[in-house]
PDB file of N, CA and C in Angstrom:
ATOM      1  N   MET A   1      -0.300   3.249   9.311  1.00  0.00           N
ATOM      2  CA  MET A   1       0.518   3.645   8.210  1.00  0.00           C
ATOM      3  C   MET A   1       0.784   2.022   7.761  1.00  0.00           C
ATOM      4  N   SER A   2       1.186   1.941   6.498  1.00  0.00           N
ATOM      5  CA  SER A   2       1.247   0.579   5.922  1.00  0.00           C
ATOM      6  C   SER A   2       3.130   0.078   6.365  1.00  0.00           C
ATOM      7  N   GLN A   3       3.195  -0.997   6.325  1.00  0.00           N
ATOM      8  CA  GLN A   3       4.577  -1.353   6.325  1.00  0.00           C
ATOM      9  C   GLN A   3       5.763  -1.362   5.302  1.00  0.00           C
ATOM     10  N   PRO A   4       6.724  -0.722   5.190  1.00  0.00           N
ATOM     11  CA  PRO A   4       7.597  -0.179   4.166  1.00  0.00           C
ATOM     12  C   PRO A   4       8.120  -1.681   3.266  1.00  0.00           C
ATOM     13  N   ALA A   5       8.103  -1.665   2.229  1.00  0.00           N
ATOM     14  CA  ALA A   5       8.470  -2.731   1.439  1.00  0.00           C
ATOM     15  C   ALA A   5       9.675  -3.516   1.647  1.00  0.00           C
ATOM     16  N   SER A   6      10.001  -4.249   1.592  1.00  0.00           N
ATOM     17  CA  SER A   6      11.220  -5.252   2.036  1.00  0.00           C
ATOM     18  C   SER A   6      12.164  -5.963   0.876  1.00  0.00           C
ATOM     19  N   PHE A   7      11.397  -6.071  -0.138  1.00  0.00           N
ATOM     20  CA  PHE A   7      11.884  -6.759  -1.164  1.00  0.00           C
ATOM     21  C   PHE A   7      11.716  -5.987  -2.608  1.00  0.00           C
ATOM     22  N   GLY A   8      12.230  -6.220  -3.449  1.00  0.00           N
ATOM     23  CA  GLY A   8      12.440  -5.821  -4.805  1.00  0.00           C
ATOM     24  C   GLY A   8      11.315  -6.342  -5.463  1.00  0.00           C
ATOM     25  N   HIS A   9      10.151  -5.535  -5.795  1.00  0.00           N
ATOM     26  CA  HIS A   9       9.195  -6.059  -6.630  1.00  0.00           C
ATOM     27  C   HIS A   9       9.400  -6.264  -7.859  1.00  0.00           C
ATOM     28  N   LEU A  10      10.097  -5.493  -8.894  1.00  0.00           N
ATOM     29  CA  LEU A  10      10.589  -5.456  -9.953  1.00  0.00           C
ATOM     30  C   LEU A  10      11.451  -6.574 -10.371  1.00  0.00           C
ATOM     31  N   ALA A  11      12.464  -6.726  -9.507  1.00  0.00           N
ATOM     32  CA  ALA A  11      13.297  -7.854  -9.203  1.00  0.00           C
ATOM     33  C   ALA A  11      12.464  -9.380  -9.299  1.00  0.00           C
ATOM     34  N   MET A  12      11.931  -9.396  -8.667  1.00  0.00           N
ATOM     35  CA  MET A  12      10.880 -10.540  -8.899  1.00  0.00           C
ATOM     36  C   MET A  12      10.107 -10.604  -9.753  1.00  0.00           C
ATOM     37  N   ILE A  13       9.281  -9.668 -10.256  1.00  0.00           N
ATOM     38  CA  ILE A  13       8.505 -10.008 -11.653  1.00  0.00           C
ATOM     39  C   ILE A  13       9.292 -10.042 -12.744  1.00  0.00           C
ATOM     40  N   HIS A  14      10.484  -9.236 -12.773  1.00  0.00           N
ATOM     41  CA  HIS A  14      11.066  -9.320 -13.862  1.00  0.00           C
ATOM     42  C   HIS A  14      12.415 -10.294 -14.239  1.00  0.00           C
ATOM     43  N   HIS A  15      13.094 -10.858 -13.195  1.00  0.00           N
ATOM     44  CA  HIS A  15      13.905 -11.536 -12.819  1.00  0.00           C
ATOM     45  C   HIS A  15      13.742 -12.974 -12.296  1.00  0.00           C
ATOM     46  N   GLY A  16      12.508 -12.859 -11.338  1.00  0.00           N
ATOM     47  CA  GLY A  16      12.699 -14.111 -10.495  1.00  0.00           C
ATOM     48  C   GLY A  16      13.013 -13.885  -9.671  1.00  0.00           C
ATOM     49  N   LYS A  17      13.905 -12.938  -8.751  1.00  0.00           N
ATOM     50  CA  LYS A  17      14.370 -12.805  -7.691  1.00  0.00           C
ATOM     51  C   LYS A  17      14.224 -12.413  -6.808  1.00  0.00           C
ATOM     52  N   PHE A  18      14.213 -12.970  -5.435  1.00  0.00           N
ATOM     53  CA  PHE A  18      13.727 -12.294  -4.379  1.00  0.00           C
ATOM     54  C   PHE A  18      15.029 -11.597  -3.737  1.00  0.00           C
ATOM     55  N   LEU A  19      15.040 -10.485  -3.463  1.00  0.00           N
ATOM     56  CA  LEU A  19      16.013  -9.735  -3.396  1.00  0.00           C
ATOM     57  C   LEU A  19      15.973  -8.448  -2.389  1.00  0.00           C
ATOM     58  N   PRO A  20      16.502  -8.175  -1.097  1.00  0.00           N
ATOM     59  CA  PRO A  20      16.194  -7.109  -0.406  1.00  0.00           C
ATOM     60  C   PRO A  20      16.187  -5.936  -1.353  1.00  0.00           C
ATOM     61  N   LEU A  21      15.762  -4.860  -0.592  1.00  0.00           N
ATOM     62  CA  LEU A  21      15.755  -3.224  -0.892  1.00  0.00           C
ATOM     63  C   LEU A  21      16.922  -2.991  -0.399  1.00  0.00           C
ATOM     64  N   GLU A  22      18.095  -1.837  -0.685  1.00  0.00           N
ATOM     65  CA  GLU A  22      19.005  -1.453  -0.215  1.00  0.00           C
ATOM     66  C   GLU A  22      19.144  -0.147  -1.055  1.00  0.00           C
ATOM     67  N   VAL A  23      20.127   0.766  -0.667  1.00  0.00           N
ATOM     68  CA  VAL A  23      20.416   2.141  -1.257  1.00  0.00           C
ATOM     69  C   VAL A  23      21.564   1.897  -2.186  1.00  0.00           C
ATOM     70  N   LEU A  24      21.480   2.036  -3.290  1.00  0.00           N
ATOM     71  CA  LEU A  24      22.539   1.985  -4.311  1.00  0.00           C
ATOM     72  C   LEU A  24      22.857   3.310  -5.031  1.00  0.00           C
ATOM     73  N   LEU A  25      24.096   3.377  -5.871  1.00  0.00           N
ATOM     74  CA  LEU A  25      24.572   4.513  -6.307  1.00  0.00           C
ATOM     75  C   LEU A  25      24.783   4.471  -7.745  1.00  0.00           C
ATOM     76  N   GLY A  26      23.827   5.401  -8.670  1.00  0.00           N
ATOM     77  CA  GLY A  26      23.747   5.266 -10.033  1.00  0.00           C
ATOM     78  C   GLY A  26      24.564   6.479 -10.615  1.00  0.00           C
ATOM     79  N   ALA A  27      24.511   6.891 -12.005  1.00  0.00           N
ATOM     80  CA  ALA A  27      25.085   7.872 -12.674  1.00  0.00           C
ATOM     81  C   ALA A  27      24.027   8.928 -12.112  1.00  0.00           C
ATOM     82  N   ALA A  28      23.014   9.201 -11.783  1.00  0.00           N
ATOM     83  CA  ALA A  28      21.778  10.169 -11.569  1.00  0.00           C
ATOM     84  C   ALA A  28      22.039  10.390 -10.203  1.00  0.00           C
ATOM     85  N   GLY A  29      22.425   9.603  -9.256  1.00  0.00           N
ATOM     86  CA  GLY A  29      22.491   9.588  -7.597  1.00  0.00           C
ATOM     87  C   GLY A  29      22.067   8.563  -6.869  1.00  0.00           C
ATOM     88  N   HIS A  30      21.596   8.328  -5.944  1.00  0.00           N
ATOM     89  CA  HIS A  30      21.467   7.591  -5.267  1.00  0.00           C
ATOM     90  C   HIS A  30      20.002   7.051  -5.495  1.00  0.00           C
ATOM     91  N   TYR A  31      19.371   5.745  -5.216  1.00  0.00           N
ATOM     92  CA  TYR A  31      18.432   5.327  -5.450  1.00  0.00           C
ATOM     93  C   TYR A  31      18.142   3.949  -4.531  1.00  0.00           C
ATOM     94  N   ILE A  32      16.718   3.577  -4.414  1.00  0.00           N
ATOM     95  CA  ILE A  32      16.504   2.012  -3.894  1.00  0.00           C
ATOM     96  C   ILE A  32      16.473   1.354  -4.750  1.00  0.00           C
ATOM     97  N   GLY A  33      16.835  -0.082  -4.632  1.00  0.00           N
ATOM     98  CA  GLY A  33      16.713  -0.897  -5.710  1.00  0.00           C
ATOM     99  C   GLY A  33      17.231  -2.114  -4.848  1.00  0.00           C
ATOM    100  N   THR A  34      17.972  -3.110  -6.229  1.00  0.00           N
ATOM    101  CA  THR A  34      18.135  -4.445  -5.434  1.00  0.00           C
ATOM    102  C   THR A  34      19.351  -4.723  -6.274  1.00  0.00           C
ATOM    103  N   ARG A  35      20.358  -5.686  -5.710  1.00  0.00           N
ATOM    104  CA  ARG A  35      21.439  -6.145  -6.267  1.00  0.00           C
ATOM    105  C   ARG A  35      22.034  -7.761  -5.982  1.00  0.00           C
ATOM    106  N   ASP A  36      22.607  -8.390  -6.651  1.00  0.00           N
ATOM    107  CA  ASP A  36      22.990  -9.705  -6.510  1.00  0.00           C
ATOM    108  C   ASP A  36      24.477  -9.796  -6.641  1.00  0.00           C
ATOM    109  N   ILE A  37      25.093 -10.857  -6.486  1.00  0.00           N
ATOM    110  CA  ILE A  37      26.346 -10.794  -6.578  1.00  0.00           C
ATOM    111  C   ILE A  37      27.147 -10.633  -7.759  1.00  0.00           C
ATOM    112  N   ASP A  38      26.272 -10.101  -8.837  1.00  0.00           N
ATOM    113  CA  ASP A  38      27.024  -9.709 -10.360  1.00  0.00           C
ATOM    114  C   ASP A  38      26.645  -8.423 -10.168  1.00  0.00           C
ATOM    115  N   GLY A  39      25.867  -7.793  -9.488  1.00  0.00           N
ATOM    116  CA  GLY A  39      25.755  -6.582  -9.303  1.00  0.00           C
ATOM    117  C   GLY A  39      24.309  -5.928  -9.287  1.00  0.00           C
ATOM    118  N   PRO A  40      23.892  -4.715  -9.660  1.00  0.00           N
ATOM    119  CA  PRO A  40      22.632  -4.260  -9.560  1.00  0.00           C
ATOM    120  C   PRO A  40      21.468  -5.176 -10.546  1.00  0.00           C
ATOM    121  N   VAL A  41      20.551  -5.214  -9.816  1.00  0.00           N
ATOM    122  CA  VAL A  41      19.381  -6.118 -10.596  1.00  0.00           C
ATOM    123  C   VAL A  41      18.332  -5.241 -11.068  1.00  0.00           C
ATOM    124  N   SER A  42      17.729  -4.396 -10.241  1.00  0.00           N
ATOM    125  CA  SER A  42      16.567  -3.568 -10.229  1.00  0.00           C
ATOM    126  C   SER A  42      16.717  -2.094  -9.839  1.00  0.00           C
ATOM    127  N   ARG A  43      16.140  -1.154 -10.288  1.00  0.00           N
ATOM    128  CA  ARG A  43      15.980   0.333  -9.786  1.00  0.00           C
ATOM    129  C   ARG A  43      14.310   0.338  -9.356  1.00  0.00           C
ATOM    130  N   GLU A  44      14.224   0.468  -8.093  1.00  0.00           N
ATOM    131  CA  GLU A  44      12.837   0.393  -7.631  1.00  0.00           C
ATOM    132  C   GLU A  44      12.222   1.320  -7.434  1.00  0.00           C
ATOM    133  N   SER A  45      13.256   2.487  -7.159  1.00  0.00           N
ATOM    134  CA  SER A  45      12.322   3.930  -6.469  1.00  0.00           C
ATOM    135  C   SER A  45      11.950   4.966  -7.710  1.00  0.00           C
ATOM    136  N   ARG A  46      11.033   5.477  -7.821  1.00  0.00           N
ATOM    137  CA  ARG A  46      11.069   6.295  -8.908  1.00  0.00           C
ATOM    138  C   ARG A  46      12.097   7.680  -8.629  1.00  0.00           C
ATOM    139  N   GLU A  47      12.249   7.874  -7.581  1.00  0.00           N
ATOM    140  CA  GLU A  47      13.019   9.201  -7.172  1.00  0.00           C
ATOM    141  C   GLU A  47      14.863   8.790  -7.144  1.00  0.00           C
ATOM    142  N   TYR A  48      15.320   9.968  -7.366  1.00  0.00           N
ATOM    143  CA  TYR A  48      16.847   9.491  -6.868  1.00  0.00           C
ATOM    144  C   TYR A  48      16.999  10.669  -5.879  1.00  0.00           C
ATOM    145  N   PHE A  49      18.009  10.023  -5.054  1.00  0.00           N
ATOM    146  CA  PHE A  49      18.514  10.983  -3.750  1.00  0.00           C
ATOM    147  C   PHE A  49      19.664  11.843  -3.783  1.00  0.00           C
ATOM    148  N   ARG A  50      19.753  12.976  -3.268  1.00  0.00           N
ATOM    149  CA  ARG A  50      20.966  13.517  -2.956  1.00  0.00           C
ATOM    150  C   ARG A  50      22.378  12.869  -2.481  1.00  0.00           C
ATOM    151  N   SER A  51      21.808  12.399  -1.449  1.00  0.00           N
ATOM    152  CA  SER A  51      22.612  11.641  -0.585  1.00  0.00           C
ATOM    153  C   SER A  51      22.370  10.299  -0.025  1.00  0.00           C
ATOM    154  N   TYR A  52      23.166   9.676   0.326  1.00  0.00           N
ATOM    155  CA  TYR A  52      23.053   7.908   0.906  1.00  0.00           C
ATOM    156  C   TYR A  52      22.036   8.128   2.013  1.00  0.00           C
ATOM    157  N   ALA A  53      22.497   9.167   3.189  1.00  0.00           N
ATOM    158  CA  ALA A  53      21.861   9.165   4.172  1.00  0.00           C
ATOM    159  C   ALA A  53      20.127   9.633   3.691  1.00  0.00           C
ATOM    160  N   ALA A  54      19.843  10.199   2.753  1.00  0.00           N
ATOM    161  CA  ALA A  54      18.588  10.643   2.585  1.00  0.00           C
ATOM    162  C   ALA A  54      17.605   9.394   1.814  1.00  0.00           C
ATOM    163  N   ALA A  55      18.560   8.587   1.111  1.00  0.00           N
ATOM    164  CA  ALA A  55      17.878   7.217   0.424  1.00  0.00           C
ATOM    165  C   ALA A  55      17.666   6.312   1.549  1.00  0.00           C
ATOM    166  N   GLN A  56      18.557   6.442   2.338  1.00  0.00           N
ATOM    167  CA  GLN A  56      18.377   5.594   3.563  1.00  0.00           C
ATOM    168  C   GLN A  56      17.408   5.736   4.264  1.00  0.00           C
ATOM    169  N   ARG A  57      16.942   6.910   4.831  1.00  0.00           N
ATOM    170  CA  ARG A  57      16.082   7.489   5.623  1.00  0.00           C
ATOM    171  C   ARG A  57      14.566   7.284   4.939  1.00  0.00           C
ATOM    172  N   ALA A  58      14.498   7.464   3.216  1.00  0.00           N
ATOM    173  CA  ALA A  58      13.571   7.224   2.749  1.00  0.00           C
ATOM    174  C   ALA A  58      12.951   5.665   2.994  1.00  0.00           C
ATOM    175  N   LEU A  59      14.004   4.912   2.206  1.00  0.00           N
ATOM    176  CA  LEU A  59      13.695   3.112   2.785  1.00  0.00           C
ATOM    177  C   LEU A  59      13.398   2.897   3.731  1.00  0.00           C
ATOM    178  N   LYS A  60      13.891   3.244   5.142  1.00  0.00           N
ATOM    179  CA  LYS A  60      13.236   3.250   6.335  1.00  0.00           C
ATOM    180  C   LYS A  60      11.954   3.669   6.720  1.00  0.00           C
ATOM    181  N   ARG A  61      11.734   4.559   6.260  1.00  0.00           N
ATOM    182  CA  ARG A  61      10.233   5.144   6.542  1.00  0.00           C
ATOM    183  C   ARG A  61       9.313   4.893   5.320  1.00  0.00           C
ATOM    184  N   GLY A  62       9.673   4.324   4.340  1.00  0.00           N
ATOM    185  CA  GLY A  62       8.606   4.252   3.451  1.00  0.00           C
ATOM    186  C   GLY A  62       8.403   5.394   2.537  1.00  0.00           C
ATOM    187  N   GLY A  63       9.502   6.461   2.771  1.00  0.00           N
ATOM    188  CA  GLY A  63       8.783   7.636   1.813  1.00  0.00           C
ATOM    189  C   GLY A  63       9.631   7.456   0.874  1.00  0.00           C
ATOM    190  N   TRP A  64       9.208   6.885  -0.206  1.00  0.00           N
ATOM    191  CA  TRP A  64       9.887   6.939  -1.675  1.00  0.00           C
ATOM    192  C   TRP A  64       8.425   5.974  -2.632  1.00  0.00           C
ATOM    193  N   THR A  65       8.639   6.211  -3.785  1.00  0.00           N
ATOM    194  CA  THR A  65       7.460   5.577  -4.589  1.00  0.00           C
ATOM    195  C   THR A  65       8.333   4.552  -5.419  1.00  0.00           C
ATOM    196  N   GLN A  66       6.991   3.549  -5.321  1.00  0.00           N
ATOM    197  CA  GLN A  66       7.616   2.228  -6.295  1.00  0.00           C
ATOM    198  C   GLN A  66       7.611   2.423  -7.937  1.00  0.00           C
ATOM    199  N   LEU A  67       8.739   2.480  -8.575  1.00  0.00           N
ATOM    200  CA  LEU A  67       8.234   2.419  -9.913  1.00  0.00           C
ATOM    201  C   LEU A  67       7.362   1.772 -10.459  1.00  0.00           C
ATOM    202  N   ALA A  68       6.713   2.135 -11.549  1.00  0.00           N
ATOM    203  CA  ALA A  68       5.645   1.202 -12.126  1.00  0.00           C
ATOM    204  C   ALA A  68       5.706  -0.079 -12.408  1.00  0.00           C
ATOM    205  N   ILE A  69       4.795  -0.901 -11.842  1.00  0.00           N
ATOM    206  CA  ILE A  69       5.333  -2.341 -12.145  1.00  0.00           C
ATOM    207  C   ILE A  69       4.470  -2.765 -13.460  1.00  0.00           C
ATOM    208  N   SER A  70       5.442  -3.621 -14.690  1.00  0.00           N
ATOM    209  CA  SER A  70       4.633  -3.434 -15.895  1.00  0.00           C
ATOM    210  C   SER A  70       5.211  -4.785 -16.288  1.00  0.00           C
TER     211      SER A  70
END
């Protein structure tokens, strides 16, 4: 089993910021992303989750899909 990601790849690629992954809340639901002191930086997960707990479990277990790195 691979180790779940611990930092935001899109935050690093597009903003040059090494930020930890965490569960965030957006208009469409909870998602896995990054933020800095100014607010959200990147949405990393393709999925939205119905609850904080579901998103937290996915983050912990690696049960989420990284958005395409473009």
